[in-house]
N, C-alpha and C. Protein backbone atom coordinates (compact mmCIF):
# COMPACT_ATOMS: atom_id res chain seq x y z
N MET A 1 136.75 86.37 118.19
CA MET A 1 136.39 87.31 119.24
C MET A 1 135.27 86.73 120.11
N LYS A 2 135.48 86.79 121.43
CA LYS A 2 134.51 86.23 122.36
C LYS A 2 133.23 87.05 122.35
N GLU A 3 132.10 86.34 122.31
CA GLU A 3 130.81 87.03 122.26
C GLU A 3 130.48 87.66 123.61
N LYS A 4 129.92 88.85 123.54
CA LYS A 4 129.59 89.59 124.76
C LYS A 4 128.45 88.90 125.52
N ILE A 5 128.64 88.77 126.83
CA ILE A 5 127.62 88.19 127.70
C ILE A 5 126.84 89.32 128.37
N ALA A 6 125.54 89.23 128.34
CA ALA A 6 124.70 90.28 128.91
C ALA A 6 124.83 90.33 130.43
N LYS A 7 124.68 91.53 130.98
CA LYS A 7 124.69 91.70 132.44
C LYS A 7 123.53 90.94 133.08
N GLU A 8 122.39 90.97 132.40
CA GLU A 8 121.20 90.26 132.86
C GLU A 8 120.65 89.45 131.70
N PRO A 9 120.22 88.21 131.93
CA PRO A 9 119.65 87.42 130.83
C PRO A 9 118.30 87.98 130.39
N PHE A 10 117.91 87.63 129.18
CA PHE A 10 116.60 88.06 128.66
C PHE A 10 115.70 86.84 128.58
N ARG A 11 114.57 86.92 129.23
CA ARG A 11 113.57 85.85 129.19
C ARG A 11 112.45 86.25 128.25
N PHE A 12 112.16 85.39 127.28
CA PHE A 12 111.04 85.62 126.38
C PHE A 12 109.74 85.17 127.04
N TYR A 13 108.74 86.02 126.94
CA TYR A 13 107.40 85.70 127.43
C TYR A 13 106.43 85.69 126.26
N THR A 14 105.30 85.09 126.47
CA THR A 14 104.23 85.14 125.48
C THR A 14 102.93 85.46 126.20
N SER A 15 101.90 85.76 125.44
CA SER A 15 100.63 86.13 126.08
C SER A 15 99.45 85.60 125.29
N SER A 16 98.38 85.37 126.00
CA SER A 16 97.11 84.99 125.39
C SER A 16 96.06 86.00 125.83
N LEU A 17 95.07 86.20 124.99
CA LEU A 17 94.01 87.16 125.31
C LEU A 17 92.68 86.47 125.49
N LEU A 18 92.00 86.85 126.56
CA LEU A 18 90.60 86.50 126.72
C LEU A 18 89.80 87.75 126.37
N VAL A 19 88.95 87.65 125.38
CA VAL A 19 88.18 88.81 124.93
C VAL A 19 86.81 88.79 125.57
N GLU A 20 86.44 89.91 126.18
CA GLU A 20 85.15 90.04 126.85
C GLU A 20 84.26 91.04 126.12
N ILE A 21 82.98 90.76 126.10
CA ILE A 21 82.00 91.72 125.60
C ILE A 21 81.64 92.67 126.74
N THR A 22 81.79 93.95 126.53
CA THR A 22 81.53 94.91 127.61
C THR A 22 80.05 95.25 127.75
N GLY A 23 79.28 94.98 126.71
CA GLY A 23 77.87 95.37 126.73
C GLY A 23 77.64 96.81 126.29
N LYS A 24 78.72 97.52 125.99
CA LYS A 24 78.62 98.91 125.55
C LYS A 24 78.54 98.95 124.02
N ILE A 25 77.50 99.61 123.51
CA ILE A 25 77.28 99.67 122.06
C ILE A 25 77.06 101.11 121.64
N ALA A 26 77.74 101.52 120.58
CA ALA A 26 77.57 102.87 120.03
C ALA A 26 76.80 102.78 118.72
N TYR A 27 75.72 103.56 118.63
CA TYR A 27 74.91 103.61 117.42
C TYR A 27 75.26 104.83 116.56
N HIS A 28 75.84 105.83 117.20
CA HIS A 28 76.27 107.04 116.50
C HIS A 28 77.40 107.67 117.31
N LEU A 29 77.94 108.77 116.84
CA LEU A 29 79.13 109.35 117.47
C LEU A 29 78.88 109.89 118.88
N LYS A 30 77.67 110.34 119.16
CA LYS A 30 77.40 110.83 120.52
C LYS A 30 77.44 109.67 121.52
N ASP A 31 76.90 108.52 121.11
CA ASP A 31 77.04 107.31 121.93
C ASP A 31 78.52 106.98 122.09
N PHE A 32 79.20 107.00 120.97
CA PHE A 32 80.60 106.57 120.92
C PHE A 32 81.48 107.40 121.85
N ILE A 33 81.34 108.72 121.79
CA ILE A 33 82.20 109.58 122.60
C ILE A 33 81.90 109.42 124.08
N LYS A 34 80.64 109.22 124.43
CA LYS A 34 80.28 109.03 125.84
C LYS A 34 80.92 107.76 126.39
N ILE A 35 80.83 106.69 125.62
CA ILE A 35 81.41 105.41 126.05
C ILE A 35 82.93 105.50 126.07
N LEU A 36 83.50 106.12 125.04
CA LEU A 36 84.96 106.23 124.94
C LEU A 36 85.56 106.92 126.16
N LYS A 37 84.86 107.89 126.70
CA LYS A 37 85.36 108.62 127.87
C LYS A 37 85.35 107.78 129.14
N GLU A 38 84.52 106.73 129.16
CA GLU A 38 84.31 105.98 130.40
C GLU A 38 84.83 104.55 130.35
N ILE A 39 84.99 104.00 129.17
CA ILE A 39 85.33 102.58 129.03
C ILE A 39 86.70 102.28 129.62
N ASP A 40 86.87 101.07 130.12
CA ASP A 40 88.16 100.64 130.64
C ASP A 40 89.23 100.76 129.55
N VAL A 41 90.43 101.17 129.94
CA VAL A 41 91.48 101.40 128.94
C VAL A 41 91.88 100.12 128.21
N SER A 42 91.61 98.96 128.80
CA SER A 42 91.93 97.71 128.11
C SER A 42 91.10 97.57 126.84
N SER A 43 89.92 98.19 126.81
CA SER A 43 89.10 98.18 125.60
C SER A 43 89.74 99.03 124.51
N ILE A 44 90.28 100.17 124.89
CA ILE A 44 90.97 101.03 123.93
C ILE A 44 92.18 100.32 123.35
N PHE A 45 92.96 99.69 124.22
CA PHE A 45 94.14 98.95 123.75
C PHE A 45 93.72 97.85 122.77
N TYR A 46 92.67 97.12 123.11
CA TYR A 46 92.21 96.04 122.25
C TYR A 46 91.84 96.55 120.86
N HIS A 47 91.05 97.59 120.80
CA HIS A 47 90.56 98.06 119.50
C HIS A 47 91.64 98.75 118.67
N ILE A 48 92.70 99.20 119.31
CA ILE A 48 93.81 99.80 118.58
C ILE A 48 94.74 98.73 118.01
N HIS A 49 94.93 97.62 118.76
CA HIS A 49 96.01 96.70 118.43
C HIS A 49 95.62 95.30 117.99
N HIS A 50 94.41 94.85 118.23
CA HIS A 50 94.16 93.41 118.13
C HIS A 50 94.40 92.83 116.74
N ALA A 51 94.15 93.59 115.68
CA ALA A 51 94.36 93.05 114.33
C ALA A 51 95.82 92.68 114.11
N LEU A 52 96.72 93.52 114.58
CA LEU A 52 98.14 93.23 114.45
C LEU A 52 98.51 91.97 115.23
N ARG A 53 97.97 91.85 116.42
CA ARG A 53 98.33 90.72 117.27
C ARG A 53 97.79 89.40 116.75
N GLU A 54 96.54 89.40 116.33
CA GLU A 54 95.89 88.15 115.98
C GLU A 54 96.17 87.67 114.57
N TYR A 55 96.39 88.61 113.65
CA TYR A 55 96.47 88.20 112.26
C TYR A 55 97.83 88.42 111.62
N SER A 56 98.73 89.09 112.33
CA SER A 56 100.12 89.22 111.90
C SER A 56 100.29 89.90 110.55
N PHE A 57 99.37 90.79 110.19
CA PHE A 57 99.53 91.49 108.92
C PHE A 57 99.71 92.98 109.14
N ALA A 58 100.22 93.64 108.10
CA ALA A 58 100.30 95.09 108.16
C ALA A 58 98.92 95.65 107.85
N PRO A 59 98.36 96.46 108.72
CA PRO A 59 97.01 96.98 108.48
C PRO A 59 96.94 97.84 107.24
N GLY A 60 95.74 97.94 106.68
CA GLY A 60 95.57 98.74 105.48
C GLY A 60 95.37 100.20 105.80
N GLN A 61 94.47 100.84 105.07
CA GLN A 61 94.28 102.28 105.22
C GLN A 61 93.84 102.64 106.63
N TYR A 62 92.97 101.83 107.21
CA TYR A 62 92.47 102.12 108.55
C TYR A 62 93.04 101.10 109.53
N SER A 63 93.95 101.57 110.34
CA SER A 63 94.78 100.67 111.14
C SER A 63 94.19 100.28 112.48
N ASN A 64 93.03 100.80 112.83
CA ASN A 64 92.41 100.42 114.10
C ASN A 64 90.90 100.35 113.95
N ASP A 65 90.26 99.71 114.91
CA ASP A 65 88.81 99.48 114.82
C ASP A 65 88.01 100.77 114.83
N PHE A 66 88.47 101.77 115.54
CA PHE A 66 87.73 103.03 115.63
C PHE A 66 87.67 103.72 114.26
N ALA A 67 88.81 103.78 113.60
CA ALA A 67 88.86 104.40 112.27
C ALA A 67 88.04 103.60 111.27
N ARG A 68 88.13 102.28 111.37
CA ARG A 68 87.40 101.42 110.43
C ARG A 68 85.89 101.60 110.60
N TRP A 69 85.42 101.71 111.84
CA TRP A 69 83.99 101.91 112.07
C TRP A 69 83.53 103.27 111.56
N ALA A 70 84.35 104.29 111.76
CA ALA A 70 83.99 105.63 111.28
C ALA A 70 83.76 105.61 109.77
N GLU A 71 84.57 104.85 109.06
CA GLU A 71 84.43 104.77 107.60
C GLU A 71 83.32 103.81 107.19
N GLU A 72 83.37 102.59 107.69
CA GLU A 72 82.46 101.56 107.21
C GLU A 72 81.10 101.60 107.89
N GLY A 73 81.05 102.02 109.14
CA GLY A 73 79.79 102.05 109.87
C GLY A 73 79.04 103.36 109.74
N LEU A 74 79.79 104.47 109.65
CA LEU A 74 79.16 105.79 109.62
C LEU A 74 79.39 106.55 108.32
N GLU A 75 80.28 106.06 107.49
CA GLU A 75 80.67 106.74 106.24
C GLU A 75 81.19 108.15 106.53
N GLU A 76 81.97 108.24 107.58
CA GLU A 76 82.61 109.51 107.97
C GLU A 76 84.09 109.40 107.61
N GLY A 77 84.38 109.58 106.33
CA GLY A 77 85.73 109.37 105.84
C GLY A 77 86.78 110.28 106.46
N SER A 78 86.43 111.55 106.65
CA SER A 78 87.41 112.50 107.20
C SER A 78 87.76 112.14 108.64
N LEU A 79 86.77 111.71 109.42
CA LEU A 79 87.02 111.28 110.79
C LEU A 79 87.87 110.01 110.80
N ALA A 80 87.54 109.09 109.91
CA ALA A 80 88.31 107.84 109.83
C ALA A 80 89.78 108.12 109.55
N GLU A 81 90.04 109.05 108.65
CA GLU A 81 91.43 109.38 108.32
C GLU A 81 92.16 109.97 109.51
N ARG A 82 91.48 110.81 110.27
CA ARG A 82 92.13 111.42 111.45
C ARG A 82 92.39 110.38 112.54
N LEU A 83 91.45 109.48 112.74
CA LEU A 83 91.65 108.43 113.74
C LEU A 83 92.76 107.47 113.32
N ALA A 84 92.84 107.21 112.03
CA ALA A 84 93.88 106.29 111.53
C ALA A 84 95.26 106.93 111.53
N SER A 85 95.30 108.26 111.51
CA SER A 85 96.59 108.95 111.40
C SER A 85 97.30 109.12 112.74
N ILE A 86 96.64 108.74 113.83
CA ILE A 86 97.30 108.84 115.14
C ILE A 86 98.53 107.94 115.14
N ASN A 87 99.66 108.50 115.52
CA ASN A 87 100.90 107.72 115.62
C ASN A 87 100.95 107.07 117.00
N ILE A 88 100.62 105.79 117.05
CA ILE A 88 100.54 105.09 118.32
C ILE A 88 101.90 105.07 119.02
N ARG A 89 102.97 105.14 118.24
CA ARG A 89 104.32 105.12 118.83
C ARG A 89 104.59 106.33 119.71
N ASP A 90 103.78 107.37 119.57
CA ASP A 90 103.97 108.57 120.39
C ASP A 90 103.42 108.41 121.81
N PHE A 91 102.69 107.32 122.05
CA PHE A 91 102.00 107.18 123.33
C PHE A 91 102.59 106.06 124.18
N THR A 92 102.81 106.38 125.44
CA THR A 92 103.26 105.38 126.40
C THR A 92 102.25 105.22 127.53
N ASP A 93 101.11 105.84 127.36
CA ASP A 93 100.07 105.84 128.39
C ASP A 93 98.71 105.79 127.72
N LEU A 94 97.87 104.83 128.12
CA LEU A 94 96.57 104.66 127.47
C LEU A 94 95.61 105.80 127.75
N GLU A 95 95.75 106.44 128.89
CA GLU A 95 94.88 107.59 129.18
C GLU A 95 95.20 108.75 128.23
N ALA A 96 96.47 108.91 127.90
CA ALA A 96 96.85 109.95 126.94
C ALA A 96 96.31 109.62 125.56
N LEU A 97 96.32 108.34 125.21
CA LEU A 97 95.76 107.91 123.92
C LEU A 97 94.25 108.13 123.91
N ARG A 98 93.58 107.80 125.01
CA ARG A 98 92.14 108.04 125.12
C ARG A 98 91.84 109.52 124.90
N ALA A 99 92.62 110.38 125.56
CA ALA A 99 92.40 111.83 125.45
C ALA A 99 92.54 112.30 124.01
N LYS A 100 93.49 111.74 123.28
CA LYS A 100 93.67 112.12 121.88
C LYS A 100 92.49 111.67 121.03
N LEU A 101 92.02 110.47 121.25
CA LEU A 101 90.85 109.96 120.51
C LEU A 101 89.62 110.83 120.79
N VAL A 102 89.41 111.16 122.05
CA VAL A 102 88.28 112.01 122.44
C VAL A 102 88.39 113.37 121.78
N GLU A 103 89.58 113.94 121.78
CA GLU A 103 89.80 115.26 121.17
C GLU A 103 89.42 115.25 119.69
N ILE A 104 89.82 114.21 118.98
CA ILE A 104 89.54 114.12 117.54
C ILE A 104 88.04 113.99 117.29
N VAL A 105 87.38 113.12 118.04
CA VAL A 105 85.94 112.90 117.82
C VAL A 105 85.14 114.14 118.22
N GLU A 106 85.49 114.78 119.32
CA GLU A 106 84.77 115.98 119.74
C GLU A 106 84.95 117.11 118.73
N ASP A 107 86.14 117.24 118.19
CA ASP A 107 86.37 118.27 117.17
C ASP A 107 85.53 118.00 115.93
N HIS A 108 85.43 116.73 115.56
CA HIS A 108 84.60 116.36 114.40
C HIS A 108 83.13 116.66 114.67
N LEU A 109 82.66 116.36 115.87
CA LEU A 109 81.25 116.60 116.21
C LEU A 109 80.90 118.09 116.18
N LYS A 110 81.83 118.93 116.57
CA LYS A 110 81.59 120.38 116.55
C LYS A 110 81.31 120.88 115.13
N LYS A 111 81.93 120.23 114.16
CA LYS A 111 81.81 120.68 112.77
C LYS A 111 80.74 119.91 111.99
N ALA A 112 80.19 118.86 112.60
CA ALA A 112 79.26 117.99 111.88
C ALA A 112 77.93 118.69 111.61
N VAL A 113 77.42 118.52 110.40
CA VAL A 113 76.12 119.07 110.02
C VAL A 113 75.01 118.16 110.53
N GLU A 114 75.27 116.86 110.52
CA GLU A 114 74.30 115.89 111.01
C GLU A 114 75.03 114.78 111.78
N ILE A 115 74.31 114.10 112.65
CA ILE A 115 74.86 112.98 113.39
C ILE A 115 74.36 111.70 112.72
N ARG A 116 75.22 111.05 112.00
CA ARG A 116 74.82 109.85 111.27
C ARG A 116 74.71 108.65 112.21
N LYS A 117 73.69 107.86 111.97
CA LYS A 117 73.47 106.66 112.76
C LYS A 117 73.92 105.45 111.95
N ALA A 118 74.60 104.52 112.61
CA ALA A 118 75.05 103.32 111.92
C ALA A 118 73.86 102.48 111.49
N ALA A 119 73.98 101.87 110.32
CA ALA A 119 72.93 100.97 109.83
C ALA A 119 72.86 99.75 110.74
N PRO A 120 71.71 99.09 110.80
CA PRO A 120 71.59 97.87 111.62
C PRO A 120 72.69 96.87 111.27
N GLY A 121 73.35 96.38 112.29
CA GLY A 121 74.46 95.46 112.08
C GLY A 121 75.81 96.14 111.97
N ARG A 122 75.81 97.48 111.91
CA ARG A 122 77.06 98.25 111.79
C ARG A 122 77.38 99.02 113.07
N GLU A 123 76.66 98.74 114.14
CA GLU A 123 76.94 99.42 115.41
C GLU A 123 78.35 99.05 115.89
N PHE A 124 78.89 99.89 116.78
CA PHE A 124 80.22 99.59 117.33
C PHE A 124 80.07 98.91 118.68
N TYR A 125 80.54 97.68 118.77
CA TYR A 125 80.49 96.91 120.01
C TYR A 125 81.85 96.99 120.69
N PHE A 126 81.88 97.59 121.85
CA PHE A 126 83.13 97.71 122.59
C PHE A 126 83.48 96.38 123.25
N LEU A 127 84.68 95.91 122.98
CA LEU A 127 85.21 94.71 123.60
C LEU A 127 86.40 95.09 124.47
N ARG A 128 86.79 94.22 125.34
CA ARG A 128 88.00 94.45 126.13
C ARG A 128 88.77 93.14 126.24
N ASN A 129 90.04 93.23 126.61
CA ASN A 129 90.83 92.02 126.73
C ASN A 129 91.42 91.85 128.12
N ILE A 130 91.55 90.59 128.50
CA ILE A 130 92.30 90.21 129.70
C ILE A 130 93.52 89.44 129.20
N GLU A 131 94.70 89.91 129.54
CA GLU A 131 95.93 89.31 129.04
C GLU A 131 96.49 88.31 130.04
N ILE A 132 96.82 87.12 129.56
CA ILE A 132 97.43 86.09 130.39
C ILE A 132 98.87 85.91 129.90
N ILE A 133 99.83 86.20 130.77
CA ILE A 133 101.24 86.20 130.39
C ILE A 133 101.92 84.96 130.95
N THR A 134 102.66 84.26 130.09
CA THR A 134 103.38 83.05 130.51
C THR A 134 104.80 83.08 129.96
N PRO A 135 105.77 82.52 130.72
CA PRO A 135 107.15 82.47 130.23
C PRO A 135 107.32 81.39 129.17
N THR A 136 108.20 81.63 128.22
CA THR A 136 108.59 80.61 127.25
C THR A 136 109.82 79.88 127.80
N PRO A 137 110.27 78.82 127.15
CA PRO A 137 111.49 78.13 127.62
C PRO A 137 112.77 78.90 127.32
N TYR A 138 112.67 80.02 126.61
CA TYR A 138 113.86 80.68 126.09
C TYR A 138 114.36 81.79 127.01
N GLU A 139 115.57 81.59 127.54
CA GLU A 139 116.28 82.63 128.29
C GLU A 139 117.66 82.75 127.66
N VAL A 140 118.07 83.97 127.31
CA VAL A 140 119.30 84.14 126.52
C VAL A 140 120.23 85.15 127.19
N GLN A 141 121.53 85.02 126.84
CA GLN A 141 122.54 85.92 127.40
C GLN A 141 123.43 86.56 126.35
N THR A 142 123.33 86.12 125.11
CA THR A 142 124.14 86.68 124.03
C THR A 142 123.25 87.03 122.84
N LEU A 143 123.78 87.84 121.93
CA LEU A 143 123.02 88.19 120.73
C LEU A 143 122.73 86.96 119.87
N LYS A 144 123.68 86.05 119.79
CA LYS A 144 123.47 84.84 119.00
C LYS A 144 122.31 84.03 119.57
N GLU A 145 122.30 83.88 120.89
CA GLU A 145 121.19 83.16 121.53
C GLU A 145 119.88 83.92 121.35
N PHE A 146 119.96 85.24 121.41
CA PHE A 146 118.76 86.08 121.26
C PHE A 146 118.13 85.90 119.88
N THR A 147 118.94 86.00 118.82
CA THR A 147 118.39 85.89 117.46
C THR A 147 117.85 84.48 117.20
N SER A 148 118.53 83.48 117.75
CA SER A 148 118.07 82.10 117.58
C SER A 148 116.72 81.90 118.26
N ALA A 149 116.58 82.44 119.47
CA ALA A 149 115.31 82.31 120.20
C ALA A 149 114.21 83.11 119.53
N LEU A 150 114.53 84.33 119.08
CA LEU A 150 113.53 85.17 118.42
C LEU A 150 112.99 84.50 117.17
N ASP A 151 113.86 83.78 116.47
CA ASP A 151 113.44 83.06 115.27
C ASP A 151 112.45 81.94 115.61
N ARG A 152 112.53 81.44 116.84
CA ARG A 152 111.71 80.30 117.24
C ARG A 152 110.39 80.69 117.92
N VAL A 153 110.38 81.79 118.64
CA VAL A 153 109.17 82.13 119.40
C VAL A 153 108.04 82.54 118.46
N GLY A 154 106.82 82.42 118.95
CA GLY A 154 105.66 82.78 118.14
C GLY A 154 105.44 84.28 118.05
N MET A 155 104.50 84.66 117.20
CA MET A 155 104.22 86.07 116.98
C MET A 155 103.63 86.75 118.22
N ARG A 156 102.98 85.99 119.06
CA ARG A 156 102.41 86.60 120.27
C ARG A 156 103.50 87.01 121.25
N SER A 157 104.61 86.30 121.23
CA SER A 157 105.75 86.72 122.05
C SER A 157 106.36 88.00 121.50
N LEU A 158 106.50 88.06 120.18
CA LEU A 158 107.01 89.27 119.54
C LEU A 158 106.09 90.46 119.85
N TYR A 159 104.80 90.22 119.75
CA TYR A 159 103.82 91.28 120.03
C TYR A 159 103.96 91.76 121.48
N TYR A 160 104.07 90.82 122.40
CA TYR A 160 104.17 91.18 123.82
C TYR A 160 105.39 92.06 124.09
N HIS A 161 106.52 91.69 123.54
CA HIS A 161 107.76 92.41 123.84
C HIS A 161 107.90 93.71 123.04
N PHE A 162 107.27 93.78 121.87
CA PHE A 162 107.45 94.98 121.04
C PHE A 162 106.32 95.99 121.18
N PHE A 163 105.07 95.52 121.28
CA PHE A 163 103.92 96.44 121.35
C PHE A 163 103.51 96.72 122.80
N ASP A 164 103.31 95.65 123.57
CA ASP A 164 102.90 95.83 124.96
C ASP A 164 103.94 96.59 125.77
N ALA A 165 105.20 96.42 125.41
CA ALA A 165 106.30 96.94 126.22
C ALA A 165 106.22 98.44 126.46
N ARG A 166 105.84 99.20 125.45
CA ARG A 166 105.82 100.66 125.59
C ARG A 166 104.89 101.09 126.72
N LEU A 167 103.80 100.40 126.87
CA LEU A 167 102.85 100.75 127.93
C LEU A 167 103.30 100.20 129.28
N ARG A 168 103.94 99.02 129.29
CA ARG A 168 104.43 98.48 130.55
C ARG A 168 105.60 99.29 131.09
N LEU A 169 106.51 99.68 130.19
CA LEU A 169 107.71 100.41 130.61
C LEU A 169 107.45 101.89 130.81
N GLY A 170 106.37 102.39 130.19
CA GLY A 170 106.05 103.81 130.31
C GLY A 170 107.03 104.70 129.59
N ARG A 171 107.67 104.20 128.57
CA ARG A 171 108.58 105.02 127.78
C ARG A 171 108.60 104.50 126.34
N LYS A 172 109.15 105.31 125.45
CA LYS A 172 109.07 105.00 124.02
C LYS A 172 110.17 104.02 123.60
N THR A 173 110.04 102.80 124.08
CA THR A 173 110.99 101.77 123.67
C THR A 173 110.29 100.42 123.75
N ASN A 174 111.03 99.36 123.49
CA ASN A 174 110.50 98.01 123.55
C ASN A 174 111.44 97.16 124.38
N ASP A 175 110.99 95.97 124.76
CA ASP A 175 111.81 95.12 125.63
C ASP A 175 113.14 94.74 125.00
N PHE A 176 113.15 94.49 123.69
CA PHE A 176 114.39 94.08 123.03
C PHE A 176 115.43 95.19 123.08
N SER A 177 115.02 96.39 122.67
CA SER A 177 115.95 97.52 122.68
C SER A 177 116.42 97.83 124.10
N ASP A 178 115.51 97.73 125.05
CA ASP A 178 115.86 98.00 126.44
C ASP A 178 116.95 97.05 126.92
N TRP A 179 116.81 95.78 126.62
CA TRP A 179 117.80 94.78 127.04
C TRP A 179 119.11 94.94 126.29
N ILE A 180 119.03 95.12 124.98
CA ILE A 180 120.24 95.24 124.16
C ILE A 180 121.05 96.47 124.57
N GLN A 181 120.38 97.54 124.91
CA GLN A 181 121.09 98.75 125.33
C GLN A 181 121.67 98.62 126.74
N HIS A 182 120.86 98.20 127.68
CA HIS A 182 121.28 98.25 129.08
C HIS A 182 122.03 97.02 129.56
N SER A 183 121.78 95.85 128.96
CA SER A 183 122.49 94.65 129.40
C SER A 183 123.65 94.27 128.49
N LEU A 184 123.58 94.67 127.22
CA LEU A 184 124.68 94.38 126.29
C LEU A 184 125.49 95.62 125.93
N GLY A 185 124.95 96.80 126.23
CA GLY A 185 125.68 98.03 125.93
C GLY A 185 125.72 98.40 124.47
N GLU A 186 124.80 97.84 123.67
CA GLU A 186 124.77 98.09 122.22
C GLU A 186 123.73 99.18 121.93
N GLU A 187 124.09 100.42 122.17
CA GLU A 187 123.13 101.52 122.04
C GLU A 187 122.67 101.75 120.60
N GLU A 188 123.58 101.70 119.64
CA GLU A 188 123.22 101.94 118.25
C GLU A 188 122.29 100.85 117.73
N MET A 189 122.58 99.62 118.07
CA MET A 189 121.73 98.50 117.67
C MET A 189 120.34 98.65 118.28
N ALA A 190 120.30 99.01 119.55
CA ALA A 190 119.01 99.20 120.23
C ALA A 190 118.21 100.31 119.56
N ARG A 191 118.90 101.37 119.17
CA ARG A 191 118.23 102.51 118.52
C ARG A 191 117.64 102.09 117.18
N LYS A 192 118.39 101.30 116.40
CA LYS A 192 117.91 100.86 115.09
C LYS A 192 116.65 100.00 115.22
N ILE A 193 116.64 99.13 116.21
CA ILE A 193 115.46 98.29 116.43
C ILE A 193 114.28 99.14 116.86
N ASP A 194 114.54 100.10 117.73
CA ASP A 194 113.46 100.95 118.23
C ASP A 194 112.89 101.84 117.13
N ASN A 195 113.69 102.14 116.12
CA ASN A 195 113.24 103.00 115.02
C ASN A 195 112.36 102.27 114.01
N LEU A 196 112.29 100.96 114.09
CA LEU A 196 111.42 100.21 113.18
C LEU A 196 109.97 100.59 113.44
N ASP A 197 109.23 100.80 112.37
CA ASP A 197 107.81 101.14 112.50
C ASP A 197 106.97 99.88 112.28
N PRO A 198 106.45 99.28 113.34
CA PRO A 198 105.75 98.01 113.21
C PRO A 198 104.35 98.12 112.63
N TYR A 199 103.87 99.35 112.42
CA TYR A 199 102.50 99.54 111.97
C TYR A 199 102.35 99.52 110.44
N PHE A 200 103.48 99.42 109.74
CA PHE A 200 103.42 99.43 108.28
C PHE A 200 104.14 98.24 107.67
N ILE A 201 104.46 97.24 108.49
CA ILE A 201 105.04 96.00 107.99
C ILE A 201 104.35 94.84 108.70
N THR A 202 104.51 93.64 108.17
CA THR A 202 103.92 92.47 108.81
C THR A 202 104.74 92.08 110.03
N MET A 203 104.16 91.25 110.88
CA MET A 203 104.89 90.78 112.05
C MET A 203 106.09 89.93 111.64
N ASP A 204 105.95 89.14 110.59
CA ASP A 204 107.08 88.36 110.09
C ASP A 204 108.21 89.28 109.65
N GLN A 205 107.87 90.33 108.92
CA GLN A 205 108.88 91.27 108.47
C GLN A 205 109.56 91.95 109.65
N LEU A 206 108.78 92.31 110.66
CA LEU A 206 109.35 92.93 111.85
C LEU A 206 110.34 92.00 112.52
N LYS A 207 109.95 90.75 112.68
CA LYS A 207 110.84 89.78 113.33
C LYS A 207 112.17 89.68 112.60
N TYR A 208 112.12 89.54 111.28
CA TYR A 208 113.36 89.31 110.54
C TYR A 208 114.17 90.58 110.35
N LYS A 209 113.54 91.72 110.43
CA LYS A 209 114.30 92.97 110.45
C LYS A 209 115.09 93.10 111.75
N ILE A 210 114.48 92.71 112.86
CA ILE A 210 115.18 92.74 114.15
C ILE A 210 116.37 91.78 114.13
N ILE A 211 116.14 90.58 113.63
CA ILE A 211 117.23 89.60 113.55
C ILE A 211 118.35 90.11 112.66
N ALA A 212 118.00 90.71 111.53
CA ALA A 212 119.01 91.24 110.61
C ALA A 212 119.84 92.34 111.26
N ILE A 213 119.20 93.22 112.00
CA ILE A 213 119.92 94.29 112.70
C ILE A 213 120.89 93.69 113.71
N CYS A 214 120.45 92.69 114.44
CA CYS A 214 121.31 92.06 115.44
C CYS A 214 122.51 91.36 114.80
N MET A 215 122.33 90.90 113.57
CA MET A 215 123.42 90.22 112.85
C MET A 215 124.25 91.18 112.01
N GLY A 216 123.87 92.48 112.05
CA GLY A 216 124.61 93.46 111.26
C GLY A 216 124.32 93.39 109.78
N LYS A 217 123.12 92.89 109.44
CA LYS A 217 122.74 92.72 108.04
C LYS A 217 121.37 93.34 107.79
N GLU A 218 121.24 94.63 108.08
CA GLU A 218 119.94 95.29 107.94
C GLU A 218 119.34 95.10 106.56
N ILE A 219 118.02 94.85 106.52
CA ILE A 219 117.33 94.66 105.24
C ILE A 219 116.24 95.70 105.09
């Protein structure tokens, strides 16, 4: 059987991050909430996602920097749990994510008996990222070519197409599913890939689960 040719080819891209120090430092939650309301959204994106991008592991109990600081810097376990429980997959807009973070912290502050100050060295330093996007040599038109290229590209390319995509496209999908559905007409395959939860598996596992789905061998 002849392999289906996509209506439009898929080009793999990769990205590099330049991390900047913003100069914004939170010593306690009142500092934190004030800065959180004003900081550039690229800082929010960085602190939510950078561990996944840079280290390719499945995060532990606290999946983002905000939750980790609440626990380790302030010993506010209940706040840390609420910040960690945010389902990032529900958001396609960073301002909406900011609003949710603010809502959680403000609700916690209303109930707080005391405002704990971080110990010296445990302050929260807000960072932000500048993303540099470059094309890879891989452009594909069939599923076979797609899986072969996906096996070869680095984790930063996978991150760009799977995590960054939701915010670039403004909808709850990723570049792979978008292409597979609209250029190859494989709606069920696209849905299965989109249903993968990348926040509880490693980047390697995510890559090979996508490849397995494309080959009809889900694992």
